[in-house]
């Protein structure tokens, strides 16, 4: 179970993995404990470009970057690659998700 602080609201839940249907890129979502799909929201965003295996773009357009970094890095889930992708007016940081962390995540379609 993980804790995520979004704008002063504390969420406890799990991190799940999936794939974007358009290009197969890695998708990461957060699901609040005990809430099924009610409080499931994406932690990543997708672009047209196919990303390297195990990499995803953090959704800094909708979520605070410092909270995403804290959640992923402090829990040894992912690390920044140093690469970025632009879409619209947003520049998304690319993160590499550790294989052992991905294996522990439930896969959702």
PDB file of N, CA and C in Angstrom:
ATOM      1  N   UNK A   1       0.842  -1.169   0.000  1.00  0.00           N
ATOM      2  CA  UNK A   1       0.000   0.000   0.000  1.00  0.00           C
ATOM      3  C   UNK A   1       0.895   1.243   0.000  1.00  0.00           C
ATOM      4  N   UNK A   2       0.441   2.244  -0.729  1.00  0.00           N
ATOM      5  CA  UNK A   2       1.197   3.481  -0.887  1.00  0.00           C
ATOM      6  C   UNK A   2       0.356   4.661  -0.431  1.00  0.00           C
ATOM      7  N   UNK A   3       1.031   5.748  -0.093  1.00  0.00           N
ATOM      8  CA  UNK A   3       0.369   6.982   0.311  1.00  0.00           C
ATOM      9  C   UNK A   3       0.728   8.073  -0.678  1.00  0.00           C
ATOM     10  N   UNK A   4      -0.284   8.802  -1.119  1.00  0.00           N
ATOM     11  CA  UNK A   4      -0.097   9.898  -2.068  1.00  0.00           C
ATOM     12  C   UNK A   4      -0.839  11.119  -1.544  1.00  0.00           C
ATOM     13  N   UNK A   5      -0.120  12.235  -1.409  1.00  0.00           N
ATOM     14  CA  UNK A   5      -0.706  13.485  -0.934  1.00  0.00           C
ATOM     15  C   UNK A   5      -0.965  14.376  -2.136  1.00  0.00           C
ATOM     16  N   UNK A   6      -2.226  14.606  -2.440  1.00  0.00           N
ATOM     17  CA  UNK A   6      -2.586  15.465  -3.566  1.00  0.00           C
ATOM     18  C   UNK A   6      -3.336  16.682  -3.058  1.00  0.00           C
ATOM     19  N   UNK A   7      -2.663  17.809  -3.086  1.00  0.00           N
ATOM     20  CA  UNK A   7      -3.272  19.084  -2.706  1.00  0.00           C
ATOM     21  C   UNK A   7      -3.877  19.035  -1.308  1.00  0.00           C
ATOM     22  N   UNK A   8      -3.177  18.357  -0.388  1.00  0.00           N
ATOM     23  CA  UNK A   8      -3.625  18.291   0.993  1.00  0.00           C
ATOM     24  C   UNK A   8      -4.537  17.127   1.321  1.00  0.00           C
ATOM     25  N   UNK A   9      -4.943  16.365   0.334  1.00  0.00           N
ATOM     26  CA  UNK A   9      -5.763  15.174   0.560  1.00  0.00           C
ATOM     27  C   UNK A   9      -4.870  13.945   0.487  1.00  0.00           C
ATOM     28  N   UNK A  10      -4.926  13.115   1.514  1.00  0.00           N
ATOM     29  CA  UNK A  10      -4.102  11.906   1.576  1.00  0.00           C
ATOM     30  C   UNK A  10      -4.886  10.733   1.008  1.00  0.00           C
ATOM     31  N   UNK A  11      -4.290  10.073   0.016  1.00  0.00           N
ATOM     32  CA  UNK A  11      -4.868   8.866  -0.567  1.00  0.00           C
ATOM     33  C   UNK A  11      -3.977   7.692  -0.205  1.00  0.00           C
ATOM     34  N   UNK A  12      -4.581   6.586   0.189  1.00  0.00           N
ATOM     35  CA  UNK A  12      -3.854   5.333   0.417  1.00  0.00           C
ATOM     36  C   UNK A  12      -4.390   4.327  -0.578  1.00  0.00           C
ATOM     37  N   UNK A  13      -3.474   3.615  -1.226  1.00  0.00           N
ATOM     38  CA  UNK A  13      -3.928   2.647  -2.206  1.00  0.00           C
ATOM     39  C   UNK A  13      -2.793   1.923  -2.884  1.00  0.00           C
ATOM     40  N   UNK A  14      -3.107   1.327  -4.002  1.00  0.00           N
ATOM     41  CA  UNK A  14      -2.162   0.525  -4.767  1.00  0.00           C
ATOM     42  C   UNK A  14      -1.826   1.200  -6.084  1.00  0.00           C
ATOM     43  N   UNK A  15      -0.685   0.828  -6.607  1.00  0.00           N
ATOM     44  CA  UNK A  15      -0.276   1.287  -7.928  1.00  0.00           C
ATOM     45  C   UNK A  15      -0.423   0.104  -8.872  1.00  0.00           C
ATOM     46  N   UNK A  16      -1.124   0.320  -9.968  1.00  0.00           N
ATOM     47  CA  UNK A  16      -1.407  -0.730 -10.943  1.00  0.00           C
ATOM     48  C   UNK A  16      -0.755  -0.379 -12.267  1.00  0.00           C
ATOM     49  N   UNK A  17      -0.546  -1.395 -13.089  1.00  0.00           N
ATOM     50  CA  UNK A  17       0.049  -1.154 -14.408  1.00  0.00           C
ATOM     51  C   UNK A  17      -0.879  -1.652 -15.500  1.00  0.00           C
ATOM     52  N   UNK A  18      -0.717  -1.067 -16.664  1.00  0.00           N
ATOM     53  CA  UNK A  18      -1.469  -1.467 -17.843  1.00  0.00           C
ATOM     54  C   UNK A  18      -0.729  -0.980 -19.071  1.00  0.00           C
ATOM     55  N   UNK A  19      -1.425  -0.974 -20.187  1.00  0.00           N
ATOM     56  CA  UNK A  19      -0.834  -0.485 -21.437  1.00  0.00           C
ATOM     57  C   UNK A  19      -1.842   0.415 -22.126  1.00  0.00           C
ATOM     58  N   UNK A  20      -1.333   1.488 -22.718  1.00  0.00           N
ATOM     59  CA  UNK A  20      -2.199   2.356 -23.512  1.00  0.00           C
ATOM     60  C   UNK A  20      -2.564   1.620 -24.797  1.00  0.00           C
ATOM     61  N   UNK A  21      -3.831   1.647 -25.158  1.00  0.00           N
ATOM     62  CA  UNK A  21      -4.318   0.901 -26.320  1.00  0.00           C
ATOM     63  C   UNK A  21      -3.766   1.435 -27.630  1.00  0.00           C
ATOM     64  N   UNK A  22      -3.474   2.724 -27.697  1.00  0.00           N
ATOM     65  CA  UNK A  22      -3.051   3.321 -28.966  1.00  0.00           C
ATOM     66  C   UNK A  22      -1.678   2.873 -29.427  1.00  0.00           C
ATOM     67  N   UNK A  23      -0.756   2.620 -28.481  1.00  0.00           N
ATOM     68  CA  UNK A  23       0.605   2.277 -28.895  1.00  0.00           C
ATOM     69  C   UNK A  23       1.317   1.284 -27.974  1.00  0.00           C
ATOM     70  N   UNK A  24       0.649   0.807 -26.949  1.00  0.00           N
ATOM     71  CA  UNK A  24       1.250  -0.185 -26.063  1.00  0.00           C
ATOM     72  C   UNK A  24       2.191   0.373 -25.014  1.00  0.00           C
ATOM     73  N   UNK A  25       2.305   1.699 -24.921  1.00  0.00           N
ATOM     74  CA  UNK A  25       3.156   2.285 -23.884  1.00  0.00           C
ATOM     75  C   UNK A  25       2.653   1.898 -22.498  1.00  0.00           C
ATOM     76  N   UNK A  26       3.579   1.860 -21.563  1.00  0.00           N
ATOM     77  CA  UNK A  26       3.270   1.535 -20.177  1.00  0.00           C
ATOM     78  C   UNK A  26       2.353   2.595 -19.567  1.00  0.00           C
ATOM     79  N   UNK A  27       1.299   2.146 -18.915  1.00  0.00           N
ATOM     80  CA  UNK A  27       0.371   3.027 -18.202  1.00  0.00           C
ATOM     81  C   UNK A  27       0.414   2.661 -16.719  1.00  0.00           C
ATOM     82  N   UNK A  28       0.485   3.663 -15.858  1.00  0.00           N
ATOM     83  CA  UNK A  28       0.515   3.447 -14.415  1.00  0.00           C
ATOM     84  C   UNK A  28      -0.644   4.221 -13.799  1.00  0.00           C
ATOM     85  N   UNK A  29      -1.415   3.553 -12.945  1.00  0.00           N
ATOM     86  CA  UNK A  29      -2.556   4.202 -12.296  1.00  0.00           C
ATOM     87  C   UNK A  29      -2.503   3.967 -10.786  1.00  0.00           C
ATOM     88  N   UNK A  30      -3.165   4.840 -10.048  1.00  0.00           N
ATOM     89  CA  UNK A  30      -3.285   4.729  -8.597  1.00  0.00           C
ATOM     90  C   UNK A  30      -4.737   4.422  -8.274  1.00  0.00           C
ATOM     91  N   UNK A  31      -4.964   3.414  -7.437  1.00  0.00           N
ATOM     92  CA  UNK A  31      -6.330   3.060  -7.033  1.00  0.00           C
ATOM     93  C   UNK A  31      -6.422   3.154  -5.515  1.00  0.00           C
ATOM     94  N   UNK A  32      -7.322   4.014  -5.049  1.00  0.00           N
ATOM     95  CA  UNK A  32      -7.494   4.187  -3.614  1.00  0.00           C
ATOM     96  C   UNK A  32      -8.010   2.898  -2.996  1.00  0.00           C
ATOM     97  N   UNK A  33      -7.470   2.558  -1.844  1.00  0.00           N
ATOM     98  CA  UNK A  33      -7.831   1.325  -1.153  1.00  0.00           C
ATOM     99  C   UNK A  33      -9.329   1.253  -0.894  1.00  0.00           C
ATOM    100  N   UNK A  34      -9.920   0.127  -1.267  1.00  0.00           N
ATOM    101  CA  UNK A  34     -11.312  -0.144  -0.975  1.00  0.00           C
ATOM    102  C   UNK A  34     -12.313   0.598  -1.826  1.00  0.00           C
ATOM    103  N   UNK A  35     -11.855   1.315  -2.820  1.00  0.00           N
ATOM    104  CA  UNK A  35     -12.766   2.141  -3.599  1.00  0.00           C
ATOM    105  C   UNK A  35     -12.987   1.635  -5.022  1.00  0.00           C
ATOM    106  N   UNK A  36     -12.421   0.469  -5.363  1.00  0.00           N
ATOM    107  CA  UNK A  36     -12.545  -0.093  -6.712  1.00  0.00           C
ATOM    108  C   UNK A  36     -12.132   0.954  -7.738  1.00  0.00           C
ATOM    109  N   UNK A  37     -13.018   1.293  -8.667  1.00  0.00           N
ATOM    110  CA  UNK A  37     -12.659   2.240  -9.715  1.00  0.00           C
ATOM    111  C   UNK A  37     -13.028   3.683  -9.383  1.00  0.00           C
ATOM    112  N   UNK A  38     -13.701   3.900  -8.270  1.00  0.00           N
ATOM    113  CA  UNK A  38     -14.183   5.235  -7.947  1.00  0.00           C
ATOM    114  C   UNK A  38     -13.049   6.255  -7.863  1.00  0.00           C
ATOM    115  N   UNK A  39     -11.946   5.893  -7.235  1.00  0.00           N
ATOM    116  CA  UNK A  39     -10.822   6.808  -7.092  1.00  0.00           C
ATOM    117  C   UNK A  39      -9.578   6.264  -7.786  1.00  0.00           C
ATOM    118  N   UNK A  40      -9.754   5.734  -8.965  1.00  0.00           N
ATOM    119  CA  UNK A  40      -8.621   5.298  -9.770  1.00  0.00           C
ATOM    120  C   UNK A  40      -8.277   6.430 -10.720  1.00  0.00           C
ATOM    121  N   UNK A  41      -7.017   6.840 -10.718  1.00  0.00           N
ATOM    122  CA  UNK A  41      -6.619   7.904 -11.624  1.00  0.00           C
ATOM    123  C   UNK A  41      -5.218   7.641 -12.147  1.00  0.00           C
ATOM    124  N   UNK A  42      -4.927   8.112 -13.354  1.00  0.00           N
ATOM    125  CA  UNK A  42      -3.629   7.850 -13.970  1.00  0.00           C
ATOM    126  C   UNK A  42      -2.512   8.662 -13.330  1.00  0.00           C
ATOM    127  N   UNK A  43      -1.352   8.033 -13.200  1.00  0.00           N
ATOM    128  CA  UNK A  43      -0.141   8.724 -12.779  1.00  0.00           C
ATOM    129  C   UNK A  43       0.724   9.066 -13.983  1.00  0.00           C
ATOM    130  N   UNK A  44       0.392   8.464 -15.133  1.00  0.00           N
ATOM    131  CA  UNK A  44       1.178   8.677 -16.346  1.00  0.00           C
ATOM    132  C   UNK A  44       0.305   9.240 -17.457  1.00  0.00           C
ATOM    133  N   UNK A  45       0.979   9.743 -18.467  1.00  0.00           N
ATOM    134  CA  UNK A  45       0.306  10.289 -19.640  1.00  0.00           C
ATOM    135  C   UNK A  45       0.900   9.619 -20.872  1.00  0.00           C
ATOM    136  N   UNK A  46       0.173   9.645 -21.966  1.00  0.00           N
ATOM    137  CA  UNK A  46       0.623   8.990 -23.189  1.00  0.00           C
ATOM    138  C   UNK A  46       0.881  10.018 -24.287  1.00  0.00           C
ATOM    139  N   UNK A  47       1.811   9.695 -25.163  1.00  0.00           N
ATOM    140  CA  UNK A  47       2.090  10.488 -26.362  1.00  0.00           C
ATOM    141  C   UNK A  47       2.080   9.533 -27.550  1.00  0.00           C
ATOM    142  N   UNK A  48       2.111  10.077 -28.752  1.00  0.00           N
ATOM    143  CA  UNK A  48       2.087   9.233 -29.951  1.00  0.00           C
ATOM    144  C   UNK A  48       3.323   8.352 -30.073  1.00  0.00           C
ATOM    145  N   UNK A  49       4.453   8.844 -29.627  1.00  0.00           N
ATOM    146  CA  UNK A  49       5.723   8.132 -29.748  1.00  0.00           C
ATOM    147  C   UNK A  49       5.744   6.884 -28.862  1.00  0.00           C
ATOM    148  N   UNK A  50       6.300   5.795 -29.384  1.00  0.00           N
ATOM    149  CA  UNK A  50       6.474   4.584 -28.583  1.00  0.00           C
ATOM    150  C   UNK A  50       7.697   4.787 -27.692  1.00  0.00           C
ATOM    151  N   UNK A  51       7.507   4.588 -26.397  1.00  0.00           N
ATOM    152  CA  UNK A  51       8.575   4.790 -25.420  1.00  0.00           C
ATOM    153  C   UNK A  51       9.362   3.501 -25.211  1.00  0.00           C
ATOM    154  N   UNK A  52      10.575   3.611 -24.661  1.00  0.00           N
ATOM    155  CA  UNK A  52      11.347   2.407 -24.349  1.00  0.00           C
ATOM    156  C   UNK A  52      10.588   1.503 -23.372  1.00  0.00           C
ATOM    157  N   UNK A  53      10.836   0.225 -23.465  1.00  0.00           N
ATOM    158  CA  UNK A  53      10.188  -0.760 -22.584  1.00  0.00           C
ATOM    159  C   UNK A  53      10.409  -0.381 -21.122  1.00  0.00           C
ATOM    160  N   UNK A  54       9.341  -0.411 -20.334  1.00  0.00           N
ATOM    161  CA  UNK A  54       9.435  -0.111 -18.915  1.00  0.00           C
ATOM    162  C   UNK A  54       9.451   1.366 -18.572  1.00  0.00           C
ATOM    163  N   UNK A  55       9.300   2.223 -19.575  1.00  0.00           N
ATOM    164  CA  UNK A  55       9.314   3.669 -19.341  1.00  0.00           C
ATOM    165  C   UNK A  55       7.925   4.258 -19.540  1.00  0.00           C
ATOM    166  N   UNK A  56       7.654   5.336 -18.812  1.00  0.00           N
ATOM    167  CA  UNK A  56       6.377   6.042 -18.929  1.00  0.00           C
ATOM    168  C   UNK A  56       6.608   7.513 -18.616  1.00  0.00           C
ATOM    169  N   UNK A  57       5.670   8.340 -19.054  1.00  0.00           N
ATOM    170  CA  UNK A  57       5.735   9.781 -18.820  1.00  0.00           C
ATOM    171  C   UNK A  57       4.820  10.144 -17.657  1.00  0.00           C
ATOM    172  N   UNK A  58       5.360  10.839 -16.661  1.00  0.00           N
ATOM    173  CA  UNK A  58       4.552  11.231 -15.506  1.00  0.00           C
ATOM    174  C   UNK A  58       3.566  12.317 -15.900  1.00  0.00           C
ATOM    175  N   UNK A  59       2.351  12.207 -15.391  1.00  0.00           N
ATOM    176  CA  UNK A  59       1.293  13.156 -15.736  1.00  0.00           C
ATOM    177  C   UNK A  59       1.406  14.427 -14.896  1.00  0.00           C
ATOM    178  N   UNK A  60       2.418  15.237 -15.213  1.00  0.00           N
ATOM    179  CA  UNK A  60       2.638  16.484 -14.476  1.00  0.00           C
ATOM    180  C   UNK A  60       1.646  17.569 -14.883  1.00  0.00           C
ATOM    181  N   UNK A  61       0.837  17.312 -15.880  1.00  0.00           N
ATOM    182  CA  UNK A  61      -0.202  18.261 -16.270  1.00  0.00           C
ATOM    183  C   UNK A  61      -1.354  18.250 -15.261  1.00  0.00           C
ATOM    184  N   UNK A  62      -1.605  17.103 -14.646  1.00  0.00           N
ATOM    185  CA  UNK A  62      -2.743  16.958 -13.736  1.00  0.00           C
ATOM    186  C   UNK A  62      -2.364  16.666 -12.290  1.00  0.00           C
ATOM    187  N   UNK A  63      -1.111  16.322 -12.048  1.00  0.00           N
ATOM    188  CA  UNK A  63      -0.666  15.961 -10.705  1.00  0.00           C
ATOM    189  C   UNK A  63       0.623  16.703 -10.378  1.00  0.00           C
ATOM    190  N   UNK A  64       0.842  17.052  -9.097  1.00  0.00           N
ATOM    191  CA  UNK A  64       2.058  17.782  -8.727  1.00  0.00           C
ATOM    192  C   UNK A  64       3.309  16.911  -8.865  1.00  0.00           C
ATOM    193  N   UNK A  65       4.304  17.436  -9.569  1.00  0.00           N
ATOM    194  CA  UNK A  65       5.530  16.694  -9.851  1.00  0.00           C
ATOM    195  C   UNK A  65       6.209  16.213  -8.572  1.00  0.00           C
ATOM    196  N   UNK A  66       6.313  17.064  -7.559  1.00  0.00           N
ATOM    197  CA  UNK A  66       7.030  16.670  -6.343  1.00  0.00           C
ATOM    198  C   UNK A  66       6.362  15.490  -5.640  1.00  0.00           C
ATOM    199  N   UNK A  67       5.043  15.385  -5.727  1.00  0.00           N
ATOM    200  CA  UNK A  67       4.346  14.252  -5.108  1.00  0.00           C
ATOM    201  C   UNK A  67       4.565  12.972  -5.914  1.00  0.00           C
ATOM    202  N   UNK A  68       4.558  13.086  -7.236  1.00  0.00           N
ATOM    203  CA  UNK A  68       4.822  11.918  -8.081  1.00  0.00           C
ATOM    204  C   UNK A  68       6.248  11.417  -7.863  1.00  0.00           C
ATOM    205  N   UNK A  69       7.207  12.340  -7.853  1.00  0.00           N
ATOM    206  CA  UNK A  69       8.607  11.969  -7.605  1.00  0.00           C
ATOM    207  C   UNK A  69       8.748  11.258  -6.267  1.00  0.00           C
ATOM    208  N   UNK A  70       8.156  11.827  -5.250  1.00  0.00           N
ATOM    209  CA  UNK A  70       8.249  11.248  -3.916  1.00  0.00           C
ATOM    210  C   UNK A  70       7.665   9.837  -3.884  1.00  0.00           C
ATOM    211  N   UNK A  71       6.488   9.675  -4.441  1.00  0.00           N
ATOM    212  CA  UNK A  71       5.833   8.370  -4.459  1.00  0.00           C
ATOM    213  C   UNK A  71       6.694   7.329  -5.170  1.00  0.00           C
ATOM    214  N   UNK A  72       7.189   7.658  -6.339  1.00  0.00           N
ATOM    215  CA  UNK A  72       7.901   6.681  -7.161  1.00  0.00           C
ATOM    216  C   UNK A  72       9.341   6.453  -6.720  1.00  0.00           C
ATOM    217  N   UNK A  73      10.045   7.518  -6.388  1.00  0.00           N
ATOM    218  CA  UNK A  73      11.452   7.371  -6.026  1.00  0.00           C
ATOM    219  C   UNK A  73      11.633   6.866  -4.596  1.00  0.00           C
ATOM    220  N   UNK A  74      10.878   7.412  -3.647  1.00  0.00           N
ATOM    221  CA  UNK A  74      11.024   6.995  -2.248  1.00  0.00           C
ATOM    222  C   UNK A  74      10.636   5.536  -2.035  1.00  0.00           C
ATOM    223  N   UNK A  75       9.744   5.022  -2.861  1.00  0.00           N
ATOM    224  CA  UNK A  75       9.305   3.627  -2.752  1.00  0.00           C
ATOM    225  C   UNK A  75      10.040   2.700  -3.711  1.00  0.00           C
ATOM    226  N   UNK A  76      11.084   3.199  -4.358  1.00  0.00           N
ATOM    227  CA  UNK A  76      11.915   2.405  -5.277  1.00  0.00           C
ATOM    228  C   UNK A  76      11.086   1.734  -6.366  1.00  0.00           C
ATOM    229  N   UNK A  77      10.173   2.527  -6.943  1.00  0.00           N
ATOM    230  CA  UNK A  77       9.309   2.045  -8.017  1.00  0.00           C
ATOM    231  C   UNK A  77       9.864   2.439  -9.378  1.00  0.00           C
ATOM    232  N   UNK A  78      10.418   3.650  -9.453  1.00  0.00           N
ATOM    233  CA  UNK A  78      10.903   4.166 -10.734  1.00  0.00           C
ATOM    234  C   UNK A  78      11.941   5.252 -10.492  1.00  0.00           C
ATOM    235  N   UNK A  79      12.686   5.560 -11.556  1.00  0.00           N
ATOM    236  CA  UNK A  79      13.683   6.625 -11.500  1.00  0.00           C
ATOM    237  C   UNK A  79      13.621   7.438 -12.789  1.00  0.00           C
ATOM    238  N   UNK A  80      14.019   8.714 -12.724  1.00  0.00           N
ATOM    239  CA  UNK A  80      13.996   9.532 -13.939  1.00  0.00           C
ATOM    240  C   UNK A  80      15.062   9.070 -14.927  1.00  0.00           C
ATOM    241  N   UNK A  81      14.724   9.132 -16.213  1.00  0.00           N
ATOM    242  CA  UNK A  81      15.705   8.784 -17.249  1.00  0.00           C
ATOM    243  C   UNK A  81      16.497  10.002 -17.690  1.00  0.00           C
ATOM    244  N   UNK A  82      15.971  11.194 -17.398  1.00  0.00           N
ATOM    245  CA  UNK A  82      16.595  12.426 -17.875  1.00  0.00           C
ATOM    246  C   UNK A  82      16.023  12.886 -19.200  1.00  0.00           C
ATOM    247  N   UNK A  83      15.129  12.075 -19.780  1.00  0.00           N
ATOM    248  CA  UNK A  83      14.479  12.438 -21.042  1.00  0.00           C
ATOM    249  C   UNK A  83      13.111  13.049 -20.765  1.00  0.00           C
ATOM    250  N   UNK A  84      12.650  13.847 -21.719  1.00  0.00           N
ATOM    251  CA  UNK A  84      11.357  14.516 -21.617  1.00  0.00           C
ATOM    252  C   UNK A  84      10.660  14.443 -22.963  1.00  0.00           C
ATOM    253  N   UNK A  85       9.323  14.518 -22.949  1.00  0.00           N
ATOM    254  CA  UNK A  85       8.529  14.583 -24.184  1.00  0.00           C
ATOM    255  C   UNK A  85       7.552  15.738 -24.038  1.00  0.00           C
ATOM    256  N   UNK A  86       7.396  16.500 -25.102  1.00  0.00           N
ATOM    257  CA  UNK A  86       6.458  17.621 -25.099  1.00  0.00           C
ATOM    258  C   UNK A  86       5.176  17.212 -25.798  1.00  0.00           C
ATOM    259  N   UNK A  87       4.067  17.667 -25.236  1.00  0.00           N
ATOM    260  CA  UNK A  87       2.761  17.474 -25.853  1.00  0.00           C
ATOM    261  C   UNK A  87       1.924  18.692 -25.486  1.00  0.00           C
ATOM    262  N   UNK A  88       1.478  19.423 -26.490  1.00  0.00           N
ATOM    263  CA  UNK A  88       0.762  20.665 -26.218  1.00  0.00           C
ATOM    264  C   UNK A  88       1.692  21.636 -25.519  1.00  0.00           C
ATOM    265  N   UNK A  89       1.248  22.164 -24.393  1.00  0.00           N
ATOM    266  CA  UNK A  89       2.051  23.112 -23.628  1.00  0.00           C
ATOM    267  C   UNK A  89       2.765  22.459 -22.450  1.00  0.00           C
ATOM    268  N   UNK A  90       2.767  21.144 -22.391  1.00  0.00           N
ATOM    269  CA  UNK A  90       3.322  20.428 -21.240  1.00  0.00           C
ATOM    270  C   UNK A  90       4.560  19.641 -21.660  1.00  0.00           C
ATOM    271  N   UNK A  91       5.558  19.638 -20.784  1.00  0.00           N
ATOM    272  CA  UNK A  91       6.751  18.816 -20.982  1.00  0.00           C
ATOM    273  C   UNK A  91       6.726  17.737 -19.903  1.00  0.00           C
ATOM    274  N   UNK A  92       6.609  16.491 -20.342  1.00  0.00           N
ATOM    275  CA  UNK A  92       6.465  15.353 -19.433  1.00  0.00           C
ATOM    276  C   UNK A  92       7.817  14.682 -19.192  1.00  0.00           C
ATOM    277  N   UNK A  93       8.186  14.433 -17.927  1.00  0.00           N
ATOM    278  CA  UNK A  93       9.421  13.704 -17.643  1.00  0.00           C
ATOM    279  C   UNK A  93       9.215  12.201 -17.841  1.00  0.00           C
ATOM    280  N   UNK A  94      10.221  11.574 -18.413  1.00  0.00           N
ATOM    281  CA  UNK A  94      10.179  10.121 -18.609  1.00  0.00           C
ATOM    282  C   UNK A  94      10.805   9.441 -17.391  1.00  0.00           C
ATOM    283  N   UNK A  95      10.133   8.406 -16.907  1.00  0.00           N
ATOM    284  CA  UNK A  95      10.636   7.611 -15.790  1.00  0.00           C
ATOM    285  C   UNK A  95      10.761   6.160 -16.225  1.00  0.00           C
ATOM    286  N   UNK A  96      11.802   5.500 -15.723  1.00  0.00           N
ATOM    287  CA  UNK A  96      12.013   4.069 -15.957  1.00  0.00           C
ATOM    288  C   UNK A  96      11.528   3.328 -14.714  1.00  0.00           C
ATOM    289  N   UNK A  97      10.589   2.423 -14.915  1.00  0.00           N
ATOM    290  CA  UNK A  97      10.028   1.654 -13.810  1.00  0.00           C
ATOM    291  C   UNK A  97      10.839   0.378 -13.632  1.00  0.00           C
ATOM    292  N   UNK A  98      11.219   0.114 -12.389  1.00  0.00           N
ATOM    293  CA  UNK A  98      12.049  -1.044 -12.090  1.00  0.00           C
ATOM    294  C   UNK A  98      11.264  -2.328 -12.352  1.00  0.00           C
ATOM    295  N   UNK A  99      11.882  -3.302 -13.037  1.00  0.00           N
ATOM    296  CA  UNK A  99      11.183  -4.554 -13.360  1.00  0.00           C
ATOM    297  C   UNK A  99      10.585  -5.239 -12.131  1.00  0.00           C
ATOM    298  N   UNK A 100      11.314  -5.240 -11.015  1.00  0.00           N
ATOM    299  CA  UNK A 100      10.797  -5.903  -9.811  1.00  0.00           C
ATOM    300  C   UNK A 100       9.567  -5.177  -9.264  1.00  0.00           C
ATOM    301  N   UNK A 101       9.503  -3.864  -9.433  1.00  0.00           N
ATOM    302  CA  UNK A 101       8.317  -3.106  -8.999  1.00  0.00           C
ATOM    303  C   UNK A 101       7.137  -3.393  -9.924  1.00  0.00           C
ATOM    304  N   UNK A 102       7.395  -3.450 -11.226  1.00  0.00           N
ATOM    305  CA  UNK A 102       6.326  -3.745 -12.194  1.00  0.00           C
ATOM    306  C   UNK A 102       5.737  -5.132 -11.964  1.00  0.00           C
ATOM    307  N   UNK A 103       6.593  -6.094 -11.635  1.00  0.00           N
ATOM    308  CA  UNK A 103       6.125  -7.464 -11.407  1.00  0.00           C
ATOM    309  C   UNK A 103       5.162  -7.546 -10.225  1.00  0.00           C
ATOM    310  N   UNK A 104       5.338  -6.681  -9.244  1.00  0.00           N
ATOM    311  CA  UNK A 104       4.482  -6.688  -8.052  1.00  0.00           C
ATOM    312  C   UNK A 104       3.133  -6.015  -8.297  1.00  0.00           C
ATOM    313  N   UNK A 105       3.039  -5.228  -9.368  1.00  0.00           N
ATOM    314  CA  UNK A 105       1.808  -4.482  -9.647  1.00  0.00           C
ATOM    315  C   UNK A 105       0.773  -5.353 -10.338  1.00  0.00           C
ATOM    316  N   UNK A 106      -0.471  -5.184  -9.922  1.00  0.00           N
ATOM    317  CA  UNK A 106      -1.582  -5.835 -10.619  1.00  0.00           C
ATOM    318  C   UNK A 106      -1.687  -5.238 -12.021  1.00  0.00           C
ATOM    319  N   UNK A 107      -1.954  -6.091 -13.011  1.00  0.00           N
ATOM    320  CA  UNK A 107      -2.129  -5.619 -14.387  1.00  0.00           C
ATOM    321  C   UNK A 107      -3.609  -5.359 -14.629  1.00  0.00           C
ATOM    322  N   UNK A 108      -3.924  -4.180 -15.144  1.00  0.00           N
ATOM    323  CA  UNK A 108      -5.311  -3.830 -15.469  1.00  0.00           C
ATOM    324  C   UNK A 108      -5.410  -3.520 -16.952  1.00  0.00           C
ATOM    325  N   UNK A 109      -6.560  -3.833 -17.517  1.00  0.00           N
ATOM    326  CA  UNK A 109      -6.752  -3.575 -18.946  1.00  0.00           C
ATOM    327  C   UNK A 109      -7.610  -2.366 -19.157  1.00  0.00           C
TER     328      UNK A 109
END
